[in-house]
Every structure is written in structure tokens, then in C-alpha cells.
Amino acid sequence: MDVLKLAAMFELGSAPVSYKENRTGHINSTYFITTESGKRFVLQRINTYVFKDPEGLMNNAVLVTTHIRKKTREASGDTERCTLEFIPVKSDSAEKSYCLTVDGEAYRVYSMIENAVSRQAAESPEELADVGYAFGHFQMQLADFDASLLSETIPDFHNTASRYRNFEKSLAADVCGRAASVSNEIDFVRKHADICPYIVNKIKDGVIPLRVTHNDTKLNNILLDENTKKPVCVIDLDTVMPGSVLYDFGDAIRFGAATAAEDETDLSLVGADLSLFEAFTRGFIEGLEGSLTAEELSMLPLGAIVITLETGIRFLTDYLDGDKYFRVSHPGHNLERARNQFAMVADLEKKLGEMNEIVKKYSE
């Protein structure tokens, strides 16, 4: 693959002269491009095994970033750093935000946001509050965007009811003969089957609105200013699609408030740190600027339980299927992850009353 030749297919303003591969990502191949003018860009190969509709994915990303930039301009903010800017392909025909090679690979380019970094973990509760603010602000900027205009880049990604049905199918098939050894985990999932359709049913019944959701609300998807350490913008928009704000809040708490890594095998160490929960919640609600309904706010803690449960179900299903989806480092890795997430669910359930009080504290 000729990286510079690929980059030259986009409207960069001057010729690309050098590149450096970024090996930290797990899904897309990423290259940092430098042009003759000194301006830098990011070239990415979209993983079409994971994202089978690159056109829908890029349409989502362009619609959302255009809307955020418009909102930022109206608020007299920094439109160059507020969101990603996708570069069109050189063409005599209609403008396109990605290109396809002769062998069917999809590539896109966006401008590098300079003097900004991402981190894998928060260094303090206050930093987690800033992350919460950034994701809440993202939701607020898109609160008036029609989410039905977006494609599902991964169908039923956070449809927990569908994830439960897939689990039951994998359990019945038991292709690897592993079901007999995970009876406790199976019982845990089945005892929680009634809450699996909770969020999707609330959307279907019109109790909570369909919104734009990011669906991967981890700290490393926020760019921080190198000097101030404050959030600059939300990145990694590949999973942006219609859904519920409960998805984004829930996944952020599942990851950000956890007392241990998601594959920690000493389950006595696994749980939710309420000080971290409070920090993220405070920032998130402040960033929302009153854009959520009362029903959504009241359901935020239960969203954390549902999404953590869903993640555990996905790990357990993949274990039953023979570890086909998630990358594993050793046999039983997915089972360890599932047990970890179920321990987190149990702890969140114990603390549900306290979490409700924290949300109420910052909602009034």
C-alpha cells in the first residue's frame, strides 16, 4: 500500500511528503501525514469487516461534525478544534468524504487537531469530571439534531434485548461444549433477563427520545489540550448512531468508575467507585445544560447497570462461541471478563440508591 499516494487522493492543499504509522488503534489502520506546507492530517483505513457500510458511517460523521461546527460558530467558539474536519476526495463529480481502492478498501482523511493528546485513564476525579462535561456537551450540541437521519453503523449495537437473544442462541448451540462449566454465569444472566429490554422499550414507547449517541464514551476518545489539560473535542465517531443517552452514560460509568480493569480476576477488587461516579455525573450533567428530560435523568444510574450487564453478556456469548469477536490473550479470557462485568453489575445494584441521590443532587 502506497500511503502517500492514497493521501494525495484527498484535497490536502499541498502534496503529502511523509507519514508515520500510529499503532495504538485496534480497529482502523491510522497514519499521520505531513504535507509540503507543514499542515498535518490523519489518514485512516476504515475496517470494513467491523463497519460494513462505510458510506453510512461517513455520512453519519460528516452530518454530526457539520452540526457541531455550526453550533460552535453560533456560540463564538473555536471551530477549528471543536470537532473533526473530514477532507473531501479530489473529484470532478459530487464531493465524497472517503475513497474506495480497486481492492475495495475504504480510506478517509481528517485534519490533525494540533497540541492535543488523549489519555487511557483519568489521573484524578476532577479530570473525570472534565471528561463527563465533554461527553455531556457533545450530547447538548446534538440535542436538536434529528437522530433518525443517521445510519446504524453496527446494527443493534446497544440493543441489550437482542444481545440477550444472541446469548440464548449461543447457549443452545454450545458449539465449543463450554456451557456446562459456566452455570453460575448463565444463572446470573437469566436472573437479569427482565432488565435487558428496559432501554429499547423506553425508546419504542416514546418514554425517552431517540438521540445521537457516541457509543464509546471512554477517556481516550476525548482530546485534551496539551497545556490546559482541558477537553478539546470528542473523537472516534465511527459508532455514532441513533440511540439513548443512557448508552453513553452507562458505558462511561462502566469504564470510568470501575475500581479494577475489566479483566481483573480477583473479583473482590471489582466494583464502582462512587467518588468517580459522582465526578463524571457532575461534569456530564453540567455539560448537558438542561438538554435531557426528567425521565432520562432519573434513568441514568439504571443505564449504567444495563450497559455493564450487556457487556458481560457479550463477553460470555463470545466465550460460548469460541472467542470469535473479542481479542483474547489466553483461553478463558472472555469468561474472566464476563465474570468481572457481572461483579460490577452486582456492585452497581447495591449502590443504585446512592447513585440515584447523586444524580438528583446535580439535576436540581
Protein backbone atom coordinates (compact mmCIF):
# COMPACT_ATOMS: atom_id res chain seq x y z
CA MET A 1 0.00 0.00 0.00
CA ASP A 2 1.38 3.42 -1.02
CA VAL A 3 0.30 5.66 1.89
CA LEU A 4 1.37 8.94 0.29
CA LYS A 5 -0.36 8.06 -2.97
CA LEU A 6 -3.57 7.37 -1.07
CA ALA A 7 -3.26 10.64 0.85
CA ALA A 8 -2.75 12.54 -2.40
CA MET A 9 -6.26 11.48 -3.49
CA PHE A 10 -7.69 14.00 -0.96
CA GLU A 11 -7.88 17.80 -1.08
CA LEU A 12 -4.95 18.45 1.28
CA GLY A 13 -3.97 21.83 -0.15
CA SER A 14 -0.39 20.72 -0.86
CA ALA A 15 1.39 17.46 -1.61
CA PRO A 16 1.90 14.85 1.13
CA VAL A 17 5.64 14.32 1.74
CA SER A 18 5.96 11.99 4.73
CA TYR A 19 3.97 9.81 7.10
CA LYS A 20 4.16 7.94 10.39
CA GLU A 21 2.00 4.95 11.32
CA ASN A 22 0.05 5.07 14.57
CA ARG A 23 -0.08 1.55 16.03
CA THR A 24 -2.23 2.25 19.10
CA GLY A 25 -5.65 1.62 17.49
CA HIS A 26 -7.38 -1.77 17.42
CA ILE A 27 -9.93 -1.31 14.64
CA ASN A 28 -8.74 1.08 11.92
CA SER A 29 -5.24 1.47 10.44
CA THR A 30 -4.05 5.04 11.05
CA TYR A 31 -1.28 7.18 9.53
CA PHE A 32 -0.15 10.72 10.37
CA ILE A 33 0.52 12.62 7.13
CA THR A 34 2.69 15.74 6.75
CA THR A 35 2.33 17.93 3.64
CA GLU A 36 4.70 20.35 1.91
CA SER A 37 3.02 23.26 3.70
CA GLY A 38 3.68 21.65 7.08
CA LYS A 39 -0.02 21.04 7.71
CA ARG A 40 -0.74 17.59 9.12
CA PHE A 41 -3.59 15.18 8.52
CA VAL A 42 -4.78 11.76 9.67
CA LEU A 43 -5.32 9.05 7.04
CA GLN A 44 -7.33 6.02 8.16
CA ARG A 45 -8.35 2.76 6.57
CA ILE A 46 -11.90 2.02 7.71
CA ASN A 47 -12.20 -1.56 8.91
CA THR A 48 -15.00 -2.79 6.66
CA TYR A 49 -15.13 -6.15 8.44
CA VAL A 50 -16.42 -4.32 11.53
CA PHE A 51 -18.10 -1.43 9.68
CA LYS A 52 -19.75 -2.96 6.64
CA ASP A 53 -21.35 0.29 5.44
CA PRO A 54 -18.53 2.86 5.10
CA GLU A 55 -20.81 5.23 3.19
CA GLY A 56 -23.35 5.26 6.02
CA LEU A 57 -20.58 5.60 8.60
CA MET A 58 -19.02 8.60 6.85
CA ASN A 59 -22.40 10.19 6.19
CA ASN A 60 -23.06 10.00 9.95
CA ALA A 61 -19.67 11.51 10.79
CA VAL A 62 -20.00 14.39 8.32
CA LEU A 63 -23.56 15.23 9.39
CA VAL A 64 -22.66 15.24 13.08
CA THR A 65 -19.40 17.20 12.76
CA THR A 66 -21.07 19.77 10.49
CA HIS A 67 -23.80 20.26 13.09
CA ILE A 68 -21.30 20.59 15.95
CA ARG A 69 -19.23 23.12 13.98
CA LYS A 70 -22.38 25.16 13.26
CA LYS A 71 -23.31 25.14 16.95
CA THR A 72 -19.78 26.15 17.93
CA ARG A 73 -19.78 29.01 15.40
CA GLU A 74 -23.09 30.28 16.79
CA ALA A 75 -21.56 30.23 20.28
CA SER A 76 -18.41 32.06 19.01
CA GLY A 77 -16.26 29.04 19.86
CA ASP A 78 -13.15 27.57 18.24
CA THR A 79 -14.48 25.95 15.05
CA GLU A 80 -11.06 24.57 14.10
CA ARG A 81 -10.70 22.41 17.21
CA CYS A 82 -14.30 21.72 18.28
CA THR A 83 -14.67 18.55 16.21
CA LEU A 84 -13.06 16.53 13.43
CA GLU A 85 -12.91 18.05 9.94
CA PHE A 86 -13.12 15.47 7.16
CA ILE A 87 -11.31 16.26 3.92
CA PRO A 88 -13.10 15.58 0.61
CA VAL A 89 -11.71 13.35 -2.09
CA LYS A 90 -10.36 15.02 -5.25
CA SER A 91 -13.08 14.51 -7.83
CA ASP A 92 -14.86 16.14 -10.73
CA SER A 93 -18.14 14.68 -9.51
CA ALA A 94 -20.04 15.00 -6.24
CA GLU A 95 -17.98 15.63 -3.11
CA LYS A 96 -17.15 12.47 -1.17
CA SER A 97 -15.63 12.09 2.27
CA TYR A 98 -13.94 8.75 1.65
CA CYS A 99 -12.48 6.77 -1.24
CA LEU A 100 -12.53 3.12 -2.25
CA THR A 101 -9.44 1.43 -3.69
CA VAL A 102 -9.59 -1.11 -6.51
CA ASP A 103 -9.46 -3.92 -3.94
CA GLY A 104 -12.43 -2.48 -2.04
CA GLU A 105 -10.63 -0.88 0.92
CA ALA A 106 -12.13 2.36 2.27
CA TYR A 107 -9.99 5.35 3.34
CA ARG A 108 -10.74 8.75 4.84
CA VAL A 109 -8.72 11.79 5.90
CA TYR A 110 -9.30 14.43 8.55
CA SER A 111 -7.26 17.40 9.72
CA MET A 112 -4.90 16.84 12.63
CA ILE A 113 -6.00 18.72 15.75
CA GLU A 114 -2.69 20.11 16.94
CA ASN A 115 -1.43 20.50 20.52
CA ALA A 116 -3.94 17.94 21.79
CA VAL A 117 -3.49 14.49 23.31
CA SER A 118 -5.61 11.60 24.55
CA ARG A 119 -5.14 9.51 27.70
CA GLN A 120 -6.05 5.97 28.64
CA ALA A 121 -7.15 6.76 32.21
CA ALA A 122 -8.10 9.78 34.30
CA GLU A 123 -5.44 10.97 36.73
CA SER A 124 -7.96 12.45 39.18
CA PRO A 125 -11.70 12.70 39.82
CA GLU A 126 -11.57 16.28 38.52
CA GLU A 127 -10.18 15.08 35.20
CA LEU A 128 -13.00 12.54 35.01
CA ALA A 129 -15.46 15.38 35.66
CA ASP A 130 -13.95 17.20 32.67
CA VAL A 131 -14.44 14.08 30.56
CA GLY A 132 -18.04 13.90 31.75
CA TYR A 133 -18.51 17.54 30.76
CA ALA A 134 -17.09 16.88 27.28
CA PHE A 135 -19.48 13.99 26.61
CA GLY A 136 -22.40 15.93 28.10
CA HIS A 137 -21.52 18.95 25.93
CA PHE A 138 -21.40 16.63 22.89
CA GLN A 139 -24.95 15.48 23.72
CA MET A 140 -26.11 19.07 24.26
CA GLN A 141 -24.75 20.24 20.90
CA LEU A 142 -26.63 17.41 19.16
CA ALA A 143 -29.85 17.63 21.19
CA ASP A 144 -31.67 19.35 18.30
CA PHE A 145 -30.25 17.04 15.63
CA ASP A 146 -32.68 14.55 14.05
CA ALA A 147 -31.11 11.21 15.04
CA SER A 148 -33.31 9.36 12.53
CA LEU A 149 -31.09 10.81 9.77
CA LEU A 150 -28.22 8.58 10.93
CA SER A 151 -27.45 5.01 9.91
CA GLU A 152 -26.76 2.19 12.35
CA THR A 153 -23.06 1.57 11.71
CA ILE A 154 -23.31 -1.65 13.76
CA PRO A 155 -26.95 -2.80 13.83
CA ASP A 156 -28.37 -3.46 17.32
CA PHE A 157 -25.06 -2.45 18.91
CA HIS A 158 -26.64 -1.46 22.24
CA ASN A 159 -29.88 -3.39 21.83
CA THR A 160 -29.50 -5.33 25.08
CA ALA A 161 -32.61 -7.40 24.37
CA SER A 162 -31.04 -8.53 21.10
CA ARG A 163 -27.76 -9.28 22.88
CA TYR A 164 -29.68 -11.49 25.32
CA ARG A 165 -31.36 -13.37 22.47
CA ASN A 166 -27.97 -13.96 20.85
CA PHE A 167 -26.70 -15.30 24.16
CA GLU A 168 -29.55 -17.81 24.38
CA LYS A 169 -28.88 -18.94 20.79
CA SER A 170 -25.19 -19.46 21.53
CA LEU A 171 -26.04 -21.29 24.73
CA ALA A 172 -28.39 -23.64 22.90
CA ALA A 173 -25.82 -24.34 20.19
CA ASP A 174 -22.92 -24.72 22.66
CA VAL A 175 -20.53 -25.23 19.74
CA CYS A 176 -17.46 -25.48 21.99
CA GLY A 177 -19.02 -27.55 24.77
CA ARG A 178 -18.38 -24.81 27.32
CA ALA A 179 -21.89 -24.29 28.71
CA ALA A 180 -21.62 -26.90 31.46
CA SER A 181 -18.71 -25.05 33.07
CA VAL A 182 -20.44 -21.66 33.29
CA SER A 183 -23.73 -22.49 35.02
CA ASN A 184 -23.32 -19.71 37.60
CA GLU A 185 -22.81 -17.11 34.88
CA ILE A 186 -25.79 -18.44 32.90
CA ASP A 187 -27.97 -18.18 36.01
CA PHE A 188 -26.80 -14.59 36.59
CA VAL A 189 -27.73 -13.53 33.07
CA ARG A 190 -31.13 -15.24 33.18
CA LYS A 191 -31.96 -13.65 36.53
CA HIS A 192 -31.37 -10.28 34.87
CA ALA A 193 -33.24 -11.03 31.66
CA ASP A 194 -36.12 -8.75 32.63
CA ILE A 195 -33.98 -5.59 32.55
CA CYS A 196 -32.36 -6.34 29.19
CA PRO A 197 -35.17 -4.74 27.11
CA TYR A 198 -35.53 -1.80 29.52
CA ILE A 199 -33.89 0.94 27.44
CA VAL A 200 -35.03 -0.21 23.99
CA ASN A 201 -38.61 -0.48 25.25
CA LYS A 202 -38.49 3.04 26.73
CA ILE A 203 -37.40 4.37 23.33
CA LYS A 204 -40.02 2.33 21.47
CA ASP A 205 -42.77 3.50 23.81
CA GLY A 206 -41.72 7.16 23.48
CA VAL A 207 -40.88 7.50 27.18
CA ILE A 208 -37.37 8.68 26.30
CA PRO A 209 -36.32 10.25 22.98
CA LEU A 210 -34.11 8.82 20.28
CA ARG A 211 -30.86 10.79 20.33
CA VAL A 212 -27.45 10.85 18.71
CA THR A 213 -25.16 8.63 20.76
CA HIS A 214 -21.40 8.19 20.62
CA ASN A 215 -21.42 4.60 21.96
CA ASP A 216 -17.76 4.51 23.01
CA THR A 217 -17.53 7.04 25.82
CA LYS A 218 -14.05 6.30 27.15
CA LEU A 219 -11.45 8.85 28.20
CA ASN A 220 -9.22 8.04 25.22
CA ASN A 221 -11.94 9.31 22.90
CA ILE A 222 -11.56 12.84 24.28
CA LEU A 223 -8.74 15.06 23.04
CA LEU A 224 -7.23 17.18 25.82
CA ASP A 225 -5.31 20.42 25.32
CA GLU A 226 -1.60 19.77 25.94
CA ASN A 227 -1.24 22.90 28.05
CA THR A 228 -4.51 23.32 29.95
CA LYS A 229 -5.36 19.56 30.08
CA LYS A 230 -8.97 20.57 29.42
CA PRO A 231 -11.13 18.76 26.83
CA VAL A 232 -10.91 20.00 23.25
CA CYS A 233 -13.32 17.69 21.43
CA VAL A 234 -14.83 14.21 21.17
CA ILE A 235 -13.21 11.91 18.59
CA ASP A 236 -13.67 8.36 17.20
CA LEU A 237 -17.09 8.91 15.66
CA ASP A 238 -17.38 5.54 13.90
CA THR A 239 -20.05 4.28 16.31
CA VAL A 240 -22.10 7.49 16.29
CA MET A 241 -25.68 6.44 15.55
CA PRO A 242 -29.24 6.71 16.87
CA GLY A 243 -29.81 5.53 20.43
CA SER A 244 -30.28 6.69 24.00
CA VAL A 245 -28.18 8.96 26.20
CA LEU A 246 -28.36 6.10 28.72
CA TYR A 247 -26.00 4.13 26.46
CA ASP A 248 -23.30 6.79 26.61
CA PHE A 249 -23.64 7.49 30.32
CA GLY A 250 -23.79 3.79 31.13
CA ASP A 251 -20.66 2.84 29.19
CA ALA A 252 -18.75 5.80 30.62
CA ILE A 253 -19.56 4.69 34.18
CA ARG A 254 -18.85 1.04 33.39
CA PHE A 255 -15.34 2.01 32.35
CA GLY A 256 -14.58 5.27 34.18
CA ALA A 257 -15.92 4.46 37.67
CA ALA A 258 -14.59 0.89 37.80
CA THR A 259 -12.23 0.04 40.64
CA ALA A 260 -10.38 -2.55 38.54
CA ALA A 261 -9.56 -3.39 34.92
CA GLU A 262 -12.29 -5.24 33.05
CA ASP A 263 -10.29 -8.49 33.05
CA GLU A 264 -9.29 -8.42 36.73
CA THR A 265 -9.75 -11.96 38.06
CA ASP A 266 -9.80 -11.07 41.77
CA LEU A 267 -13.47 -10.20 41.90
CA SER A 268 -13.15 -8.78 45.40
CA LEU A 269 -11.40 -5.82 43.76
CA VAL A 270 -14.19 -5.22 41.23
CA GLY A 271 -16.84 -2.59 41.77
CA ALA A 272 -17.85 1.02 41.25
CA ASP A 273 -16.11 3.92 42.99
CA LEU A 274 -18.90 6.33 43.94
CA SER A 275 -16.49 9.29 44.10
CA LEU A 276 -15.63 8.65 40.45
CA PHE A 277 -19.32 8.12 39.64
CA GLU A 278 -20.10 11.48 41.23
CA ALA A 279 -17.27 13.28 39.44
CA PHE A 280 -18.33 12.05 36.00
CA THR A 281 -22.03 12.66 36.73
CA ARG A 282 -21.37 16.22 37.90
CA GLY A 283 -19.45 17.06 34.75
CA PHE A 284 -21.87 15.23 32.46
CA ILE A 285 -24.97 16.97 33.78
CA GLU A 286 -23.24 20.37 33.69
CA GLY A 287 -22.23 19.80 30.05
CA LEU A 288 -25.80 18.82 29.12
CA GLU A 289 -27.03 22.32 30.05
CA GLY A 290 -30.53 21.06 30.80
CA SER A 291 -30.98 19.28 27.46
CA LEU A 292 -32.24 15.96 28.94
CA THR A 293 -35.76 15.14 30.01
CA ALA A 294 -36.56 14.41 33.64
CA GLU A 295 -37.18 10.77 32.70
CA GLU A 296 -33.74 10.43 31.12
CA LEU A 297 -32.00 11.96 34.12
CA SER A 298 -33.79 9.64 36.55
CA MET A 299 -32.79 6.59 34.48
CA LEU A 300 -29.05 7.35 34.19
CA PRO A 301 -27.92 5.03 37.02
CA LEU A 302 -30.00 2.14 35.70
CA GLY A 303 -28.41 2.79 32.31
CA ALA A 304 -25.03 2.03 33.90
CA ILE A 305 -26.36 -1.30 35.17
CA VAL A 306 -27.94 -2.29 31.84
CA ILE A 307 -24.89 -1.44 29.72
CA THR A 308 -22.49 -3.18 32.11
CA LEU A 309 -24.74 -6.24 32.07
CA GLU A 310 -24.85 -6.10 28.27
CA THR A 311 -21.05 -6.02 28.08
CA GLY A 312 -20.81 -9.05 30.34
CA ILE A 313 -23.38 -10.89 28.21
CA ARG A 314 -21.34 -10.12 25.10
CA PHE A 315 -18.16 -11.49 26.70
CA LEU A 316 -19.96 -14.65 27.86
CA THR A 317 -21.59 -15.15 24.44
CA ASP A 318 -18.22 -14.85 22.72
CA TYR A 319 -16.75 -17.37 25.16
CA LEU A 320 -19.53 -19.83 24.28
CA ASP A 321 -18.95 -19.18 20.56
CA GLY A 322 -15.21 -19.88 20.79
CA ASP A 323 -13.79 -16.36 21.19
CA LYS A 324 -14.54 -15.16 17.67
CA TYR A 325 -15.25 -11.45 18.27
CA PHE A 326 -13.11 -10.11 21.11
CA ARG A 327 -9.35 -10.42 21.00
CA VAL A 328 -8.15 -12.75 23.79
CA SER A 329 -4.69 -13.27 25.25
CA HIS A 330 -5.35 -16.73 26.73
CA PRO A 331 -8.07 -19.41 26.97
CA GLY A 332 -10.82 -18.29 29.33
CA HIS A 333 -10.06 -14.58 28.87
CA ASN A 334 -13.60 -13.77 27.77
CA LEU A 335 -15.04 -15.76 30.67
CA GLU A 336 -12.87 -13.77 33.09
CA ARG A 337 -14.13 -10.55 31.53
CA ALA A 338 -17.74 -11.72 31.80
CA ARG A 339 -17.37 -12.61 35.48
CA ASN A 340 -15.74 -9.23 36.08
CA GLN A 341 -18.61 -7.34 34.46
CA PHE A 342 -21.21 -9.34 36.37
CA ALA A 343 -19.41 -8.48 39.62
CA MET A 344 -19.57 -4.84 38.57
CA VAL A 345 -23.32 -5.18 37.92
CA ALA A 346 -23.85 -6.66 41.38
CA ASP A 347 -21.98 -3.76 42.99
CA LEU A 348 -23.85 -1.16 40.95
CA GLU A 349 -27.14 -2.72 42.03
CA LYS A 350 -26.13 -2.41 45.70
CA LYS A 351 -25.29 1.25 45.15
CA LEU A 352 -28.29 2.14 42.98
CA GLY A 353 -29.95 4.22 45.71
CA GLU A 354 -26.78 6.24 46.30
CA MET A 355 -26.30 6.76 42.57
CA ASN A 356 -29.88 8.00 42.25
CA GLU A 357 -29.23 10.54 45.02
CA ILE A 358 -26.07 11.77 43.28
CA VAL A 359 -27.93 12.29 40.00
CA LYS A 360 -30.72 14.08 41.84
CA LYS A 361 -28.18 16.32 43.61
CA TYR A 362 -26.81 17.69 40.34
CA SER A 363 -30.11 17.71 38.46
CA GLU A 364 -31.94 20.13 40.75
